[in-house]
Amino acid sequence: MTDSNEIENSGELDPRFENFAAYILDALDDEEERAAVEALVEADSAARAEFDELTEAATLLAIAVPPVAPPASLKARILELATGGTAPVITPAAPIPSIQIPRSTTRWSRIFQSGYAASAAAAVVVLVAVGALGFQNRRLGEEIDLLRTYLDAEAAAVVGLHAELSAMLVDSETRVASMKGEMDQMEDEFGATTAMFVHQEEMVSELATANAALREALRDQSWLTYVAMKEEFKVESWLADHQATSDASGIFAVRVIGNEAMFQVNGLEQPVDGFAYTLWLLGNGEPIAVTQFAISEIGSATVAFILPAPFFQYSSLVVTQERVDSIGPRPSDVQFLSAEAN
């Protein structure tokens, strides 16, 4: 193994001492590296001797080299040197004045006493710059590694977000397809319901037509059939709505012998609450309300009563609506059916 004496005799700098110059010049910012320098100087006598020599050299540098402003191209030259370029040739701007320095036997002292103080100063500056540049490179590498870690985390988050969005898209497409199927089914059901309604409306219309025909047949034929079966009755009058506000009609028949009468009506609407249809005989003195009657759901009724006088004594018949609890002496003005007596 090469010891520190062999390294010193060979003129090379021990790698362990590479941060000494930066430490002495207060250019070493990393706390761990500063602590490592202090520990090495404390534990190793050779390191302590090198540290002391370099400290003495830095002191001599302060008095051996007059303050000179560095040229503007120094930074570019240092960077070129750090990146592997050709080492620049540094030419002093002016002759360095001779300064008497105490004689010393240390390596750094001999360098200054041999007349190469300016070169030594430049070498120290370059050494410090290279050490600082290495520290900056390490810091930059750490920042790059940290940035890569952040980028990896962001990439993983993007992948997770992409997977989540893909799942949401698939779920949305599935829901849309399901909703479309339900809407198609609803449209089919709505179409079937509409067709059923149309069919029902057609049936209602047909039933209404049949019902109207039935009512007309009952109005025209029922009493004729009844009178034909009952030979003792004679049809005396046909009653109709002369105002043409409804399809109501009636027939009035009287027994041939006696004053027994029969009255049938069809097509009347239900009366107002508290009122009832009333048959009146007119033309033989005061009007006579011979009967009040109720009608069925289809507006028909059949009433039998006794005439107060022979039928030929009356001139007309009318049907009105009168109050149930009290019938006046004369029929109301609104006549639903009327006919001449003969």
C-alpha atoms as a PDB file:
ATOM      1  CA  MET A   1       0.000   0.000   0.000  1.00  0.00           C
ATOM      2  CA  THR A   2       1.309   3.506  -0.825  1.00  0.00           C
ATOM      3  CA  ASP A   3       1.706   5.560   2.343  1.00  0.00           C
ATOM      4  CA  SER A   4       1.531   9.316   2.745  1.00  0.00           C
ATOM      5  CA  ASN A   5       5.400   9.680   2.584  1.00  0.00           C
ATOM      6  CA  GLU A   6       5.537   7.965  -0.788  1.00  0.00           C
ATOM      7  CA  ILE A   7       2.736  10.179  -2.080  1.00  0.00           C
ATOM      8  CA  GLU A   8       4.553  13.272  -0.805  1.00  0.00           C
ATOM      9  CA  ASN A   9       7.862  12.179  -2.376  1.00  0.00           C
ATOM     10  CA  SER A  10       6.146  11.525  -5.666  1.00  0.00           C
ATOM     11  CA  GLY A  11       4.723  15.066  -5.695  1.00  0.00           C
ATOM     12  CA  GLU A  12       1.120  13.920  -5.842  1.00  0.00           C
ATOM     13  CA  LEU A  13      -1.644  15.092  -3.470  1.00  0.00           C
ATOM     14  CA  ASP A  14      -3.084  12.439  -1.149  1.00  0.00           C
ATOM     15  CA  PRO A  15      -6.762  11.920  -2.209  1.00  0.00           C
ATOM     16  CA  ARG A  16      -7.758  12.099   1.423  1.00  0.00           C
ATOM     17  CA  PHE A  17      -6.597  15.720   1.541  1.00  0.00           C
ATOM     18  CA  GLU A  18      -8.532  16.968  -1.500  1.00  0.00           C
ATOM     19  CA  ASN A  19     -10.968  19.039   0.620  1.00  0.00           C
ATOM     20  CA  PHE A  20      -8.299  20.641   2.857  1.00  0.00           C
ATOM     21  CA  ALA A  21      -7.773  23.708   0.652  1.00  0.00           C
ATOM     22  CA  ALA A  22     -11.496  24.399   0.361  1.00  0.00           C
ATOM     23  CA  TYR A  23     -11.904  23.965   4.130  1.00  0.00           C
ATOM     24  CA  ILE A  24      -9.032  26.363   4.943  1.00  0.00           C
ATOM     25  CA  LEU A  25     -10.331  28.951   2.465  1.00  0.00           C
ATOM     26  CA  ASP A  26     -13.874  28.528   3.921  1.00  0.00           C
ATOM     27  CA  ALA A  27     -15.197  27.343   0.529  1.00  0.00           C
ATOM     28  CA  LEU A  28     -16.449  23.927   1.697  1.00  0.00           C
ATOM     29  CA  ASP A  29     -20.226  24.282   2.198  1.00  0.00           C
ATOM     30  CA  ASP A  30     -21.193  20.662   2.808  1.00  0.00           C
ATOM     31  CA  GLU A  31     -21.395  20.040   6.559  1.00  0.00           C
ATOM     32  CA  GLU A  32     -20.624  16.314   6.252  1.00  0.00           C
ATOM     33  CA  GLU A  33     -17.443  17.007   4.227  1.00  0.00           C
ATOM     34  CA  ARG A  34     -16.345  19.656   6.749  1.00  0.00           C
ATOM     35  CA  ALA A  35     -16.918  17.184   9.581  1.00  0.00           C
ATOM     36  CA  ALA A  36     -14.928  14.526   7.666  1.00  0.00           C
ATOM     37  CA  VAL A  37     -11.969  16.932   7.259  1.00  0.00           C
ATOM     38  CA  GLU A  38     -12.012  17.795  10.987  1.00  0.00           C
ATOM     39  CA  ALA A  39     -12.174  14.118  11.971  1.00  0.00           C
ATOM     40  CA  LEU A  40      -9.296  13.197   9.631  1.00  0.00           C
ATOM     41  CA  VAL A  41      -7.072  16.009  10.964  1.00  0.00           C
ATOM     42  CA  GLU A  42      -7.883  14.965  14.534  1.00  0.00           C
ATOM     43  CA  ALA A  43      -7.125  11.284  14.008  1.00  0.00           C
ATOM     44  CA  ASP A  44      -4.242  11.265  11.503  1.00  0.00           C
ATOM     45  CA  SER A  45      -0.867  12.937  12.225  1.00  0.00           C
ATOM     46  CA  ALA A  46       0.075  13.051   8.527  1.00  0.00           C
ATOM     47  CA  ALA A  47      -3.214  14.705   7.719  1.00  0.00           C
ATOM     48  CA  ARG A  48      -2.671  17.148  10.557  1.00  0.00           C
ATOM     49  CA  ALA A  49       0.800  17.997   9.218  1.00  0.00           C
ATOM     50  CA  GLU A  50      -0.591  18.491   5.692  1.00  0.00           C
ATOM     51  CA  PHE A  51      -3.415  20.636   7.083  1.00  0.00           C
ATOM     52  CA  ASP A  52      -0.932  22.779   9.025  1.00  0.00           C
ATOM     53  CA  GLU A  53       1.323  23.228   5.973  1.00  0.00           C
ATOM     54  CA  LEU A  54      -1.632  24.189   3.813  1.00  0.00           C
ATOM     55  CA  THR A  55      -2.815  26.621   6.471  1.00  0.00           C
ATOM     56  CA  GLU A  56       0.690  28.192   6.586  1.00  0.00           C
ATOM     57  CA  ALA A  57       0.735  28.359   2.797  1.00  0.00           C
ATOM     58  CA  ALA A  58      -2.633  30.109   2.766  1.00  0.00           C
ATOM     59  CA  THR A  59      -1.216  32.623   5.251  1.00  0.00           C
ATOM     60  CA  LEU A  60       1.845  33.179   3.097  1.00  0.00           C
ATOM     61  CA  LEU A  61      -0.419  33.494   0.059  1.00  0.00           C
ATOM     62  CA  ALA A  62      -2.176  36.407   1.711  1.00  0.00           C
ATOM     63  CA  ILE A  63       1.109  38.333   2.061  1.00  0.00           C
ATOM     64  CA  ALA A  64       2.960  36.995  -0.995  1.00  0.00           C
ATOM     65  CA  VAL A  65       0.478  37.846  -3.670  1.00  0.00           C
ATOM     66  CA  PRO A  66      -0.761  41.397  -3.986  1.00  0.00           C
ATOM     67  CA  PRO A  67      -4.471  41.843  -4.585  1.00  0.00           C
ATOM     68  CA  VAL A  68      -5.139  41.626  -8.291  1.00  0.00           C
ATOM     69  CA  ALA A  69      -8.566  41.615  -9.972  1.00  0.00           C
ATOM     70  CA  PRO A  70      -9.028  38.291 -11.810  1.00  0.00           C
ATOM     71  CA  PRO A  71      -9.348  38.540 -15.581  1.00  0.00           C
ATOM     72  CA  ALA A  72     -12.837  38.244 -17.073  1.00  0.00           C
ATOM     73  CA  SER A  73     -11.894  35.015 -18.858  1.00  0.00           C
ATOM     74  CA  LEU A  74     -10.867  33.209 -15.638  1.00  0.00           C
ATOM     75  CA  LYS A  75     -14.303  31.610 -15.097  1.00  0.00           C
ATOM     76  CA  ALA A  76     -14.421  30.306 -18.670  1.00  0.00           C
ATOM     77  CA  ARG A  77     -10.894  28.913 -18.360  1.00  0.00           C
ATOM     78  CA  ILE A  78     -11.696  27.184 -15.084  1.00  0.00           C
ATOM     79  CA  LEU A  79     -14.842  25.616 -16.570  1.00  0.00           C
ATOM     80  CA  GLU A  80     -12.836  24.523 -19.610  1.00  0.00           C
ATOM     81  CA  LEU A  81     -10.277  22.925 -17.333  1.00  0.00           C
ATOM     82  CA  ALA A  82     -12.979  21.209 -15.259  1.00  0.00           C
ATOM     83  CA  THR A  83     -14.602  19.715 -18.358  1.00  0.00           C
ATOM     84  CA  GLY A  84     -11.357  18.208 -19.641  1.00  0.00           C
ATOM     85  CA  GLY A  85     -10.052  20.956 -21.905  1.00  0.00           C
ATOM     86  CA  THR A  86      -6.474  22.071 -22.301  1.00  0.00           C
ATOM     87  CA  ALA A  87      -5.064  23.741 -19.224  1.00  0.00           C
ATOM     88  CA  PRO A  88      -4.782  27.487 -19.849  1.00  0.00           C
ATOM     89  CA  VAL A  89      -1.558  29.424 -19.534  1.00  0.00           C
ATOM     90  CA  ILE A  90      -1.929  32.135 -16.908  1.00  0.00           C
ATOM     91  CA  THR A  91       0.328  35.162 -17.416  1.00  0.00           C
ATOM     92  CA  PRO A  92       0.659  37.684 -14.600  1.00  0.00           C
ATOM     93  CA  ALA A  93      -0.550  41.124 -15.470  1.00  0.00           C
ATOM     94  CA  ALA A  94       2.515  42.731 -13.828  1.00  0.00           C
ATOM     95  CA  PRO A  95       5.727  41.599 -12.207  1.00  0.00           C
ATOM     96  CA  ILE A  96       5.232  40.407  -8.683  1.00  0.00           C
ATOM     97  CA  PRO A  97       7.292  42.511  -6.271  1.00  0.00           C
ATOM     98  CA  SER A  98       9.856  40.656  -4.230  1.00  0.00           C
ATOM     99  CA  ILE A  99       8.752  40.126  -0.651  1.00  0.00           C
ATOM    100  CA  GLN A 100      11.026  38.775   2.037  1.00  0.00           C
ATOM    101  CA  ILE A 101       9.454  35.635   3.545  1.00  0.00           C
ATOM    102  CA  PRO A 102      10.909  33.776   6.531  1.00  0.00           C
ATOM    103  CA  ARG A 103      12.766  30.634   5.599  1.00  0.00           C
ATOM    104  CA  SER A 104      10.849  27.450   6.154  1.00  0.00           C
ATOM    105  CA  THR A 105      11.315  23.784   5.403  1.00  0.00           C
ATOM    106  CA  THR A 106       7.736  22.867   4.524  1.00  0.00           C
ATOM    107  CA  ARG A 107       6.749  21.877   1.013  1.00  0.00           C
ATOM    108  CA  TRP A 108       4.323  24.771   0.576  1.00  0.00           C
ATOM    109  CA  SER A 109       6.905  27.235   2.064  1.00  0.00           C
ATOM    110  CA  ARG A 110       9.575  26.058  -0.390  1.00  0.00           C
ATOM    111  CA  ILE A 111       7.200  26.647  -3.222  1.00  0.00           C
ATOM    112  CA  PHE A 112       6.705  30.284  -2.239  1.00  0.00           C
ATOM    113  CA  GLN A 113      10.472  30.810  -1.446  1.00  0.00           C
ATOM    114  CA  SER A 114      11.470  29.445  -4.862  1.00  0.00           C
ATOM    115  CA  GLY A 115       9.915  32.441  -6.609  1.00  0.00           C
ATOM    116  CA  TYR A 116       6.751  30.699  -7.831  1.00  0.00           C
ATOM    117  CA  ALA A 117       4.310  32.351  -5.477  1.00  0.00           C
ATOM    118  CA  ALA A 118       2.053  33.507  -8.303  1.00  0.00           C
ATOM    119  CA  SER A 119       1.965  30.009  -9.809  1.00  0.00           C
ATOM    120  CA  ALA A 120       1.251  28.563  -6.400  1.00  0.00           C
ATOM    121  CA  ALA A 121      -1.511  31.050  -5.897  1.00  0.00           C
ATOM    122  CA  ALA A 122      -3.037  30.102  -9.223  1.00  0.00           C
ATOM    123  CA  ALA A 123      -2.717  26.421  -8.379  1.00  0.00           C
ATOM    124  CA  VAL A 124      -4.488  26.935  -5.064  1.00  0.00           C
ATOM    125  CA  VAL A 125      -7.246  28.901  -6.783  1.00  0.00           C
ATOM    126  CA  VAL A 126      -7.624  26.152  -9.378  1.00  0.00           C
ATOM    127  CA  LEU A 127      -7.645  23.496  -6.659  1.00  0.00           C
ATOM    128  CA  VAL A 128     -10.351  25.323  -4.740  1.00  0.00           C
ATOM    129  CA  ALA A 129     -12.361  25.906  -7.930  1.00  0.00           C
ATOM    130  CA  VAL A 130     -12.130  22.265  -8.912  1.00  0.00           C
ATOM    131  CA  GLY A 131     -13.232  21.196  -5.434  1.00  0.00           C
ATOM    132  CA  ALA A 132     -16.158  23.636  -5.532  1.00  0.00           C
ATOM    133  CA  LEU A 133     -17.073  22.463  -9.023  1.00  0.00           C
ATOM    134  CA  GLY A 134     -17.064  18.845  -7.852  1.00  0.00           C
ATOM    135  CA  PHE A 135     -19.321  19.780  -4.965  1.00  0.00           C
ATOM    136  CA  GLN A 136     -21.685  21.583  -7.340  1.00  0.00           C
ATOM    137  CA  ASN A 137     -21.670  18.571  -9.641  1.00  0.00           C
ATOM    138  CA  ARG A 138     -22.587  16.278  -6.756  1.00  0.00           C
ATOM    139  CA  ARG A 139     -25.357  18.630  -5.663  1.00  0.00           C
ATOM    140  CA  LEU A 140     -26.631  18.864  -9.226  1.00  0.00           C
ATOM    141  CA  GLY A 141     -26.585  15.054  -9.443  1.00  0.00           C
ATOM    142  CA  GLU A 142     -28.597  14.785  -6.246  1.00  0.00           C
ATOM    143  CA  GLU A 143     -31.123  17.285  -7.571  1.00  0.00           C
ATOM    144  CA  ILE A 144     -31.362  15.353 -10.833  1.00  0.00           C
ATOM    145  CA  ASP A 145     -31.951  12.107  -8.907  1.00  0.00           C
ATOM    146  CA  LEU A 146     -34.645  13.820  -6.813  1.00  0.00           C
ATOM    147  CA  LEU A 147     -36.241  15.191  -9.970  1.00  0.00           C
ATOM    148  CA  ARG A 148     -36.223  11.713 -11.491  1.00  0.00           C
ATOM    149  CA  THR A 149     -37.943  10.391  -8.373  1.00  0.00           C
ATOM    150  CA  TYR A 150     -40.630  13.069  -8.702  1.00  0.00           C
ATOM    151  CA  LEU A 151     -41.049  12.296 -12.400  1.00  0.00           C
ATOM    152  CA  ASP A 152     -41.396   8.570 -11.653  1.00  0.00           C
ATOM    153  CA  ALA A 153     -44.076   9.343  -9.053  1.00  0.00           C
ATOM    154  CA  GLU A 154     -45.887  11.640 -11.490  1.00  0.00           C
ATOM    155  CA  ALA A 155     -45.710   8.973 -14.194  1.00  0.00           C
ATOM    156  CA  ALA A 156     -47.196   6.405 -11.808  1.00  0.00           C
ATOM    157  CA  ALA A 157     -49.962   8.848 -10.901  1.00  0.00           C
ATOM    158  CA  VAL A 158     -50.675   9.465 -14.590  1.00  0.00           C
ATOM    159  CA  VAL A 159     -50.856   5.718 -15.223  1.00  0.00           C
ATOM    160  CA  GLY A 160     -53.268   5.303 -12.303  1.00  0.00           C
ATOM    161  CA  LEU A 161     -55.393   8.221 -13.508  1.00  0.00           C
ATOM    162  CA  HIS A 162     -55.464   6.774 -17.019  1.00  0.00           C
ATOM    163  CA  ALA A 163     -56.624   3.429 -15.654  1.00  0.00           C
ATOM    164  CA  GLU A 164     -59.300   5.127 -13.547  1.00  0.00           C
ATOM    165  CA  LEU A 165     -60.525   7.190 -16.517  1.00  0.00           C
ATOM    166  CA  SER A 166     -60.608   4.070 -18.688  1.00  0.00           C
ATOM    167  CA  ALA A 167     -62.709   2.262 -16.066  1.00  0.00           C
ATOM    168  CA  MET A 168     -65.067   5.242 -15.812  1.00  0.00           C
ATOM    169  CA  LEU A 169     -65.384   5.353 -19.606  1.00  0.00           C
ATOM    170  CA  VAL A 170     -66.201   1.653 -19.792  1.00  0.00           C
ATOM    171  CA  ASP A 171     -68.741   2.044 -16.973  1.00  0.00           C
ATOM    172  CA  SER A 172     -70.327   5.051 -18.704  1.00  0.00           C
ATOM    173  CA  GLU A 173     -70.570   3.186 -21.999  1.00  0.00           C
ATOM    174  CA  THR A 174     -72.183   0.250 -20.204  1.00  0.00           C
ATOM    175  CA  ARG A 175     -74.715   2.533 -18.524  1.00  0.00           C
ATOM    176  CA  VAL A 176     -75.499   4.300 -21.783  1.00  0.00           C
ATOM    177  CA  ALA A 177     -76.077   0.962 -23.505  1.00  0.00           C
ATOM    178  CA  SER A 178     -78.318  -0.174 -20.637  1.00  0.00           C
ATOM    179  CA  MET A 179     -80.301   3.076 -20.700  1.00  0.00           C
ATOM    180  CA  LYS A 180     -80.697   2.801 -24.475  1.00  0.00           C
ATOM    181  CA  GLY A 181     -82.070  -0.709 -24.062  1.00  0.00           C
ATOM    182  CA  GLU A 182     -84.510   0.493 -21.405  1.00  0.00           C
ATOM    183  CA  MET A 183     -85.600   3.412 -23.618  1.00  0.00           C
ATOM    184  CA  ASP A 184     -86.167   1.056 -26.550  1.00  0.00           C
ATOM    185  CA  GLN A 185     -88.264  -1.174 -24.318  1.00  0.00           C
ATOM    186  CA  MET A 186     -90.236   1.836 -23.053  1.00  0.00           C
ATOM    187  CA  GLU A 187     -90.831   2.970 -26.636  1.00  0.00           C
ATOM    188  CA  ASP A 188     -92.138  -0.479 -27.519  1.00  0.00           C
ATOM    189  CA  GLU A 189     -94.415  -0.490 -24.473  1.00  0.00           C
ATOM    190  CA  PHE A 190     -95.580   3.045 -25.248  1.00  0.00           C
ATOM    191  CA  GLY A 191     -96.342   2.028 -28.815  1.00  0.00           C
ATOM    192  CA  ALA A 192     -98.328  -0.973 -27.588  1.00  0.00           C
ATOM    193  CA  THR A 193    -100.195   1.207 -25.067  1.00  0.00           C
ATOM    194  CA  THR A 194    -100.970   3.793 -27.743  1.00  0.00           C
ATOM    195  CA  ALA A 195    -102.299   1.098 -30.045  1.00  0.00           C
ATOM    196  CA  MET A 196    -104.454  -0.231 -27.200  1.00  0.00           C
ATOM    197  CA  PHE A 197    -105.846   3.262 -26.516  1.00  0.00           C
ATOM    198  CA  VAL A 198    -106.660   3.747 -30.179  1.00  0.00           C
ATOM    199  CA  HIS A 199    -108.411   0.384 -30.213  1.00  0.00           C
ATOM    200  CA  GLN A 200    -110.359   1.309 -27.086  1.00  0.00           C
ATOM    201  CA  GLU A 201    -111.392   4.639 -28.602  1.00  0.00           C
ATOM    202  CA  GLU A 202    -112.571   2.830 -31.702  1.00  0.00           C
ATOM    203  CA  MET A 203    -114.562   0.411 -29.531  1.00  0.00           C
ATOM    204  CA  VAL A 204    -116.120   3.293 -27.565  1.00  0.00           C
ATOM    205  CA  SER A 205    -117.061   5.004 -30.799  1.00  0.00           C
ATOM    206  CA  GLU A 206    -118.617   1.823 -32.113  1.00  0.00           C
ATOM    207  CA  LEU A 207    -120.481   1.290 -28.832  1.00  0.00           C
ATOM    208  CA  ALA A 208    -121.743   4.876 -28.908  1.00  0.00           C
ATOM    209  CA  THR A 209    -123.059   4.346 -32.433  1.00  0.00           C
ATOM    210  CA  ALA A 210    -124.707   1.074 -31.432  1.00  0.00           C
ATOM    211  CA  ASN A 211    -126.191   2.653 -28.321  1.00  0.00           C
ATOM    212  CA  ALA A 212    -127.629   5.544 -30.331  1.00  0.00           C
ATOM    213  CA  ALA A 213    -129.148   3.091 -32.786  1.00  0.00           C
ATOM    214  CA  LEU A 214    -130.571   1.063 -29.907  1.00  0.00           C
ATOM    215  CA  ARG A 215    -132.137   4.130 -28.339  1.00  0.00           C
ATOM    216  CA  GLU A 216    -133.679   5.136 -31.618  1.00  0.00           C
ATOM    217  CA  ALA A 217    -135.038   1.642 -32.113  1.00  0.00           C
ATOM    218  CA  LEU A 218    -136.490   1.637 -28.616  1.00  0.00           C
ATOM    219  CA  ARG A 219    -138.013   5.057 -29.159  1.00  0.00           C
ATOM    220  CA  ASP A 220    -139.612   4.113 -32.468  1.00  0.00           C
ATOM    221  CA  GLN A 221    -140.538   0.502 -31.880  1.00  0.00           C
ATOM    222  CA  SER A 222    -141.018  -0.318 -28.219  1.00  0.00           C
ATOM    223  CA  TRP A 223    -144.294   1.453 -27.752  1.00  0.00           C
ATOM    224  CA  LEU A 224    -145.562   0.392 -31.124  1.00  0.00           C
ATOM    225  CA  THR A 225    -144.933  -3.195 -30.113  1.00  0.00           C
ATOM    226  CA  TYR A 226    -146.529  -2.616 -26.737  1.00  0.00           C
ATOM    227  CA  VAL A 227    -149.619  -0.977 -28.239  1.00  0.00           C
ATOM    228  CA  ALA A 228    -149.922  -3.752 -30.808  1.00  0.00           C
ATOM    229  CA  MET A 229    -149.951  -6.297 -27.985  1.00  0.00           C
ATOM    230  CA  LYS A 230    -152.393  -4.292 -25.932  1.00  0.00           C
ATOM    231  CA  GLU A 231    -155.308  -3.800 -28.327  1.00  0.00           C
ATOM    232  CA  GLU A 232    -157.297  -1.967 -25.701  1.00  0.00           C
ATOM    233  CA  PHE A 233    -154.823   0.982 -25.868  1.00  0.00           C
ATOM    234  CA  LYS A 234    -154.838   3.560 -28.604  1.00  0.00           C
ATOM    235  CA  VAL A 235    -151.947   5.895 -29.401  1.00  0.00           C
ATOM    236  CA  GLU A 236    -153.194   9.409 -29.069  1.00  0.00           C
ATOM    237  CA  SER A 237    -150.071  11.601 -29.398  1.00  0.00           C
ATOM    238  CA  TRP A 238    -146.361  11.573 -30.249  1.00  0.00           C
ATOM    239  CA  LEU A 239    -144.316  13.954 -28.134  1.00  0.00           C
ATOM    240  CA  ALA A 240    -141.085  15.496 -29.451  1.00  0.00           C
ATOM    241  CA  ASP A 241    -138.522  18.194 -28.609  1.00  0.00           C
ATOM    242  CA  HIS A 242    -139.576  20.963 -30.971  1.00  0.00           C
ATOM    243  CA  GLN A 243    -136.547  23.105 -29.939  1.00  0.00           C
ATOM    244  CA  ALA A 244    -134.164  20.428 -31.327  1.00  0.00           C
ATOM    245  CA  THR A 245    -131.951  20.590 -28.227  1.00  0.00           C
ATOM    246  CA  SER A 246    -132.025  16.787 -27.693  1.00  0.00           C
ATOM    247  CA  ASP A 247    -133.126  13.505 -29.252  1.00  0.00           C
ATOM    248  CA  ALA A 248    -135.854  12.958 -26.621  1.00  0.00           C
ATOM    249  CA  SER A 249    -139.303  11.775 -27.694  1.00  0.00           C
ATOM    250  CA  GLY A 250    -142.387  10.234 -26.135  1.00  0.00           C
ATOM    251  CA  ILE A 251    -145.650   8.478 -26.894  1.00  0.00           C
ATOM    252  CA  PHE A 252    -149.031   8.862 -25.136  1.00  0.00           C
ATOM    253  CA  ALA A 253    -151.713   6.122 -25.277  1.00  0.00           C
ATOM    254  CA  VAL A 254    -155.163   5.845 -23.718  1.00  0.00           C
ATOM    255  CA  ARG A 255    -157.278   2.738 -23.078  1.00  0.00           C
ATOM    256  CA  VAL A 256    -160.207   2.615 -25.467  1.00  0.00           C
ATOM    257  CA  ILE A 257    -162.710   2.098 -22.698  1.00  0.00           C
ATOM    258  CA  GLY A 258    -162.136   4.181 -19.585  1.00  0.00           C
ATOM    259  CA  ASN A 259    -159.677   6.946 -18.697  1.00  0.00           C
ATOM    260  CA  GLU A 260    -156.548   4.802 -18.023  1.00  0.00           C
ATOM    261  CA  ALA A 261    -153.507   6.301 -19.790  1.00  0.00           C
ATOM    262  CA  MET A 262    -149.933   5.133 -20.506  1.00  0.00           C
ATOM    263  CA  PHE A 263    -146.984   7.408 -21.206  1.00  0.00           C
ATOM    264  CA  GLN A 264    -143.471   6.444 -22.333  1.00  0.00           C
ATOM    265  CA  VAL A 265    -140.474   8.707 -22.939  1.00  0.00           C
ATOM    266  CA  ASN A 266    -136.924   8.101 -24.275  1.00  0.00           C
ATOM    267  CA  GLY A 267    -133.738  10.099 -24.613  1.00  0.00           C
ATOM    268  CA  LEU A 268    -134.171  12.561 -21.767  1.00  0.00           C
ATOM    269  CA  GLU A 269    -131.161  13.807 -19.824  1.00  0.00           C
ATOM    270  CA  GLN A 270    -131.030  13.457 -16.035  1.00  0.00           C
ATOM    271  CA  PRO A 271    -132.879  16.322 -14.322  1.00  0.00           C
ATOM    272  CA  VAL A 272    -131.286  18.946 -12.095  1.00  0.00           C
ATOM    273  CA  ASP A 273    -130.885  17.963  -8.440  1.00  0.00           C
ATOM    274  CA  GLY A 274    -134.141  18.582  -6.531  1.00  0.00           C
ATOM    275  CA  PHE A 275    -136.233  18.538  -9.715  1.00  0.00           C
ATOM    276  CA  ALA A 276    -138.199  15.825 -11.565  1.00  0.00           C
ATOM    277  CA  TYR A 277    -139.814  15.556 -14.989  1.00  0.00           C
ATOM    278  CA  THR A 278    -143.562  16.424 -14.877  1.00  0.00           C
ATOM    279  CA  LEU A 279    -146.309  15.647 -17.465  1.00  0.00           C
ATOM    280  CA  TRP A 280    -148.922  18.404 -17.890  1.00  0.00           C
ATOM    281  CA  LEU A 281    -152.362  18.382 -19.606  1.00  0.00           C
ATOM    282  CA  LEU A 282    -153.458  21.727 -21.026  1.00  0.00           C
ATOM    283  CA  GLY A 283    -156.668  23.150 -22.597  1.00  0.00           C
ATOM    284  CA  ASN A 284    -159.402  22.194 -20.121  1.00  0.00           C
ATOM    285  CA  GLY A 285    -159.348  25.039 -17.642  1.00  0.00           C
ATOM    286  CA  GLU A 286    -156.261  25.303 -15.442  1.00  0.00           C
ATOM    287  CA  PRO A 287    -153.167  23.226 -16.397  1.00  0.00           C
ATOM    288  CA  ILE A 288    -153.027  19.903 -14.587  1.00  0.00           C
ATOM    289  CA  ALA A 289    -149.768  18.156 -13.509  1.00  0.00           C
ATOM    290  CA  VAL A 290    -150.939  14.575 -13.925  1.00  0.00           C
ATOM    291  CA  THR A 291    -147.661  12.841 -12.856  1.00  0.00           C
ATOM    292  CA  GLN A 292    -143.970  13.267 -11.928  1.00  0.00           C
ATOM    293  CA  PHE A 293    -141.605  10.508 -13.010  1.00  0.00           C
ATOM    294  CA  ALA A 294    -137.965   9.405 -12.788  1.00  0.00           C
ATOM    295  CA  ILE A 295    -135.966   8.253 -15.790  1.00  0.00           C
ATOM    296  CA  SER A 296    -133.488   5.391 -16.187  1.00  0.00           C
ATOM    297  CA  GLU A 297    -129.784   5.670 -17.003  1.00  0.00           C
ATOM    298  CA  ILE A 298    -130.597   5.819 -20.714  1.00  0.00           C
ATOM    299  CA  GLY A 299    -133.225   8.508 -20.175  1.00  0.00           C
ATOM    300  CA  SER A 300    -136.391   6.403 -20.542  1.00  0.00           C
ATOM    301  CA  ALA A 301    -139.494   5.943 -18.401  1.00  0.00           C
ATOM    302  CA  THR A 302    -142.947   4.282 -18.545  1.00  0.00           C
ATOM    303  CA  VAL A 303    -145.766   5.804 -16.491  1.00  0.00           C
ATOM    304  CA  ALA A 304    -149.409   4.724 -16.001  1.00  0.00           C
ATOM    305  CA  PHE A 305    -152.030   7.079 -14.527  1.00  0.00           C
ATOM    306  CA  ILE A 306    -155.774   7.953 -14.554  1.00  0.00           C
ATOM    307  CA  LEU A 307    -156.928  10.894 -16.627  1.00  0.00           C
ATOM    308  CA  PRO A 308    -158.936  13.471 -14.575  1.00  0.00           C
ATOM    309  CA  ALA A 309    -161.250  13.912 -17.604  1.00  0.00           C
ATOM    310  CA  PRO A 310    -161.698  12.341 -21.006  1.00  0.00           C
ATOM    311  CA  PHE A 311    -158.626  12.927 -23.162  1.00  0.00           C
ATOM    312  CA  PHE A 312    -160.545  14.684 -25.984  1.00  0.00           C
ATOM    313  CA  GLN A 313    -161.210  17.602 -23.593  1.00  0.00           C
ATOM    314  CA  TYR A 314    -157.477  18.554 -23.590  1.00  0.00           C
ATOM    315  CA  SER A 315    -155.620  20.415 -26.337  1.00  0.00           C
ATOM    316  CA  SER A 316    -151.954  19.613 -25.646  1.00  0.00           C
ATOM    317  CA  LEU A 317    -149.387  17.804 -23.504  1.00  0.00           C
ATOM    318  CA  VAL A 318    -146.028  19.178 -22.247  1.00  0.00           C
ATOM    319  CA  VAL A 319    -143.146  17.791 -20.166  1.00  0.00           C
ATOM    320  CA  THR A 320    -141.177  20.164 -17.909  1.00  0.00           C
ATOM    321  CA  GLN A 321    -138.891  19.995 -14.879  1.00  0.00           C
ATOM    322  CA  GLU A 322    -140.545  21.004 -11.601  1.00  0.00           C
ATOM    323  CA  ARG A 323    -139.425  20.955  -7.997  1.00  0.00           C
ATOM    324  CA  VAL A 324    -140.035  17.634  -6.262  1.00  0.00           C
ATOM    325  CA  ASP A 325    -141.330  19.151  -3.051  1.00  0.00           C
ATOM    326  CA  SER A 326    -143.640  21.732  -4.607  1.00  0.00           C
ATOM    327  CA  ILE A 327    -145.298  21.923  -8.025  1.00  0.00           C
ATOM    328  CA  GLY A 328    -146.582  25.321  -9.059  1.00  0.00           C
ATOM    329  CA  PRO A 329    -149.978  26.019 -10.631  1.00  0.00           C
ATOM    330  CA  ARG A 330    -148.500  26.366 -14.104  1.00  0.00           C
ATOM    331  CA  PRO A 331    -145.697  24.588 -15.991  1.00  0.00           C
ATOM    332  CA  SER A 332    -142.269  26.267 -16.147  1.00  0.00           C
ATOM    333  CA  ASP A 333    -141.260  28.067 -19.286  1.00  0.00           C
ATOM    334  CA  VAL A 334    -138.743  25.406 -20.409  1.00  0.00           C
ATOM    335  CA  GLN A 335    -140.581  22.575 -22.142  1.00  0.00           C
ATOM    336  CA  PHE A 336    -138.592  19.419 -22.876  1.00  0.00           C
ATOM    337  CA  LEU A 337    -141.368  17.621 -24.801  1.00  0.00           C
ATOM    338  CA  SER A 338    -144.728  18.759 -26.181  1.00  0.00           C
ATOM    339  CA  ALA A 339    -147.488  17.587 -28.544  1.00  0.00           C
ATOM    340  CA  GLU A 340    -150.988  18.395 -29.659  1.00  0.00           C
ATOM    341  CA  ALA A 341    -153.683  16.261 -28.080  1.00  0.00           C
ATOM    342  CA  ASN A 342    -155.069  15.303 -31.631  1.00  0.00           C
END
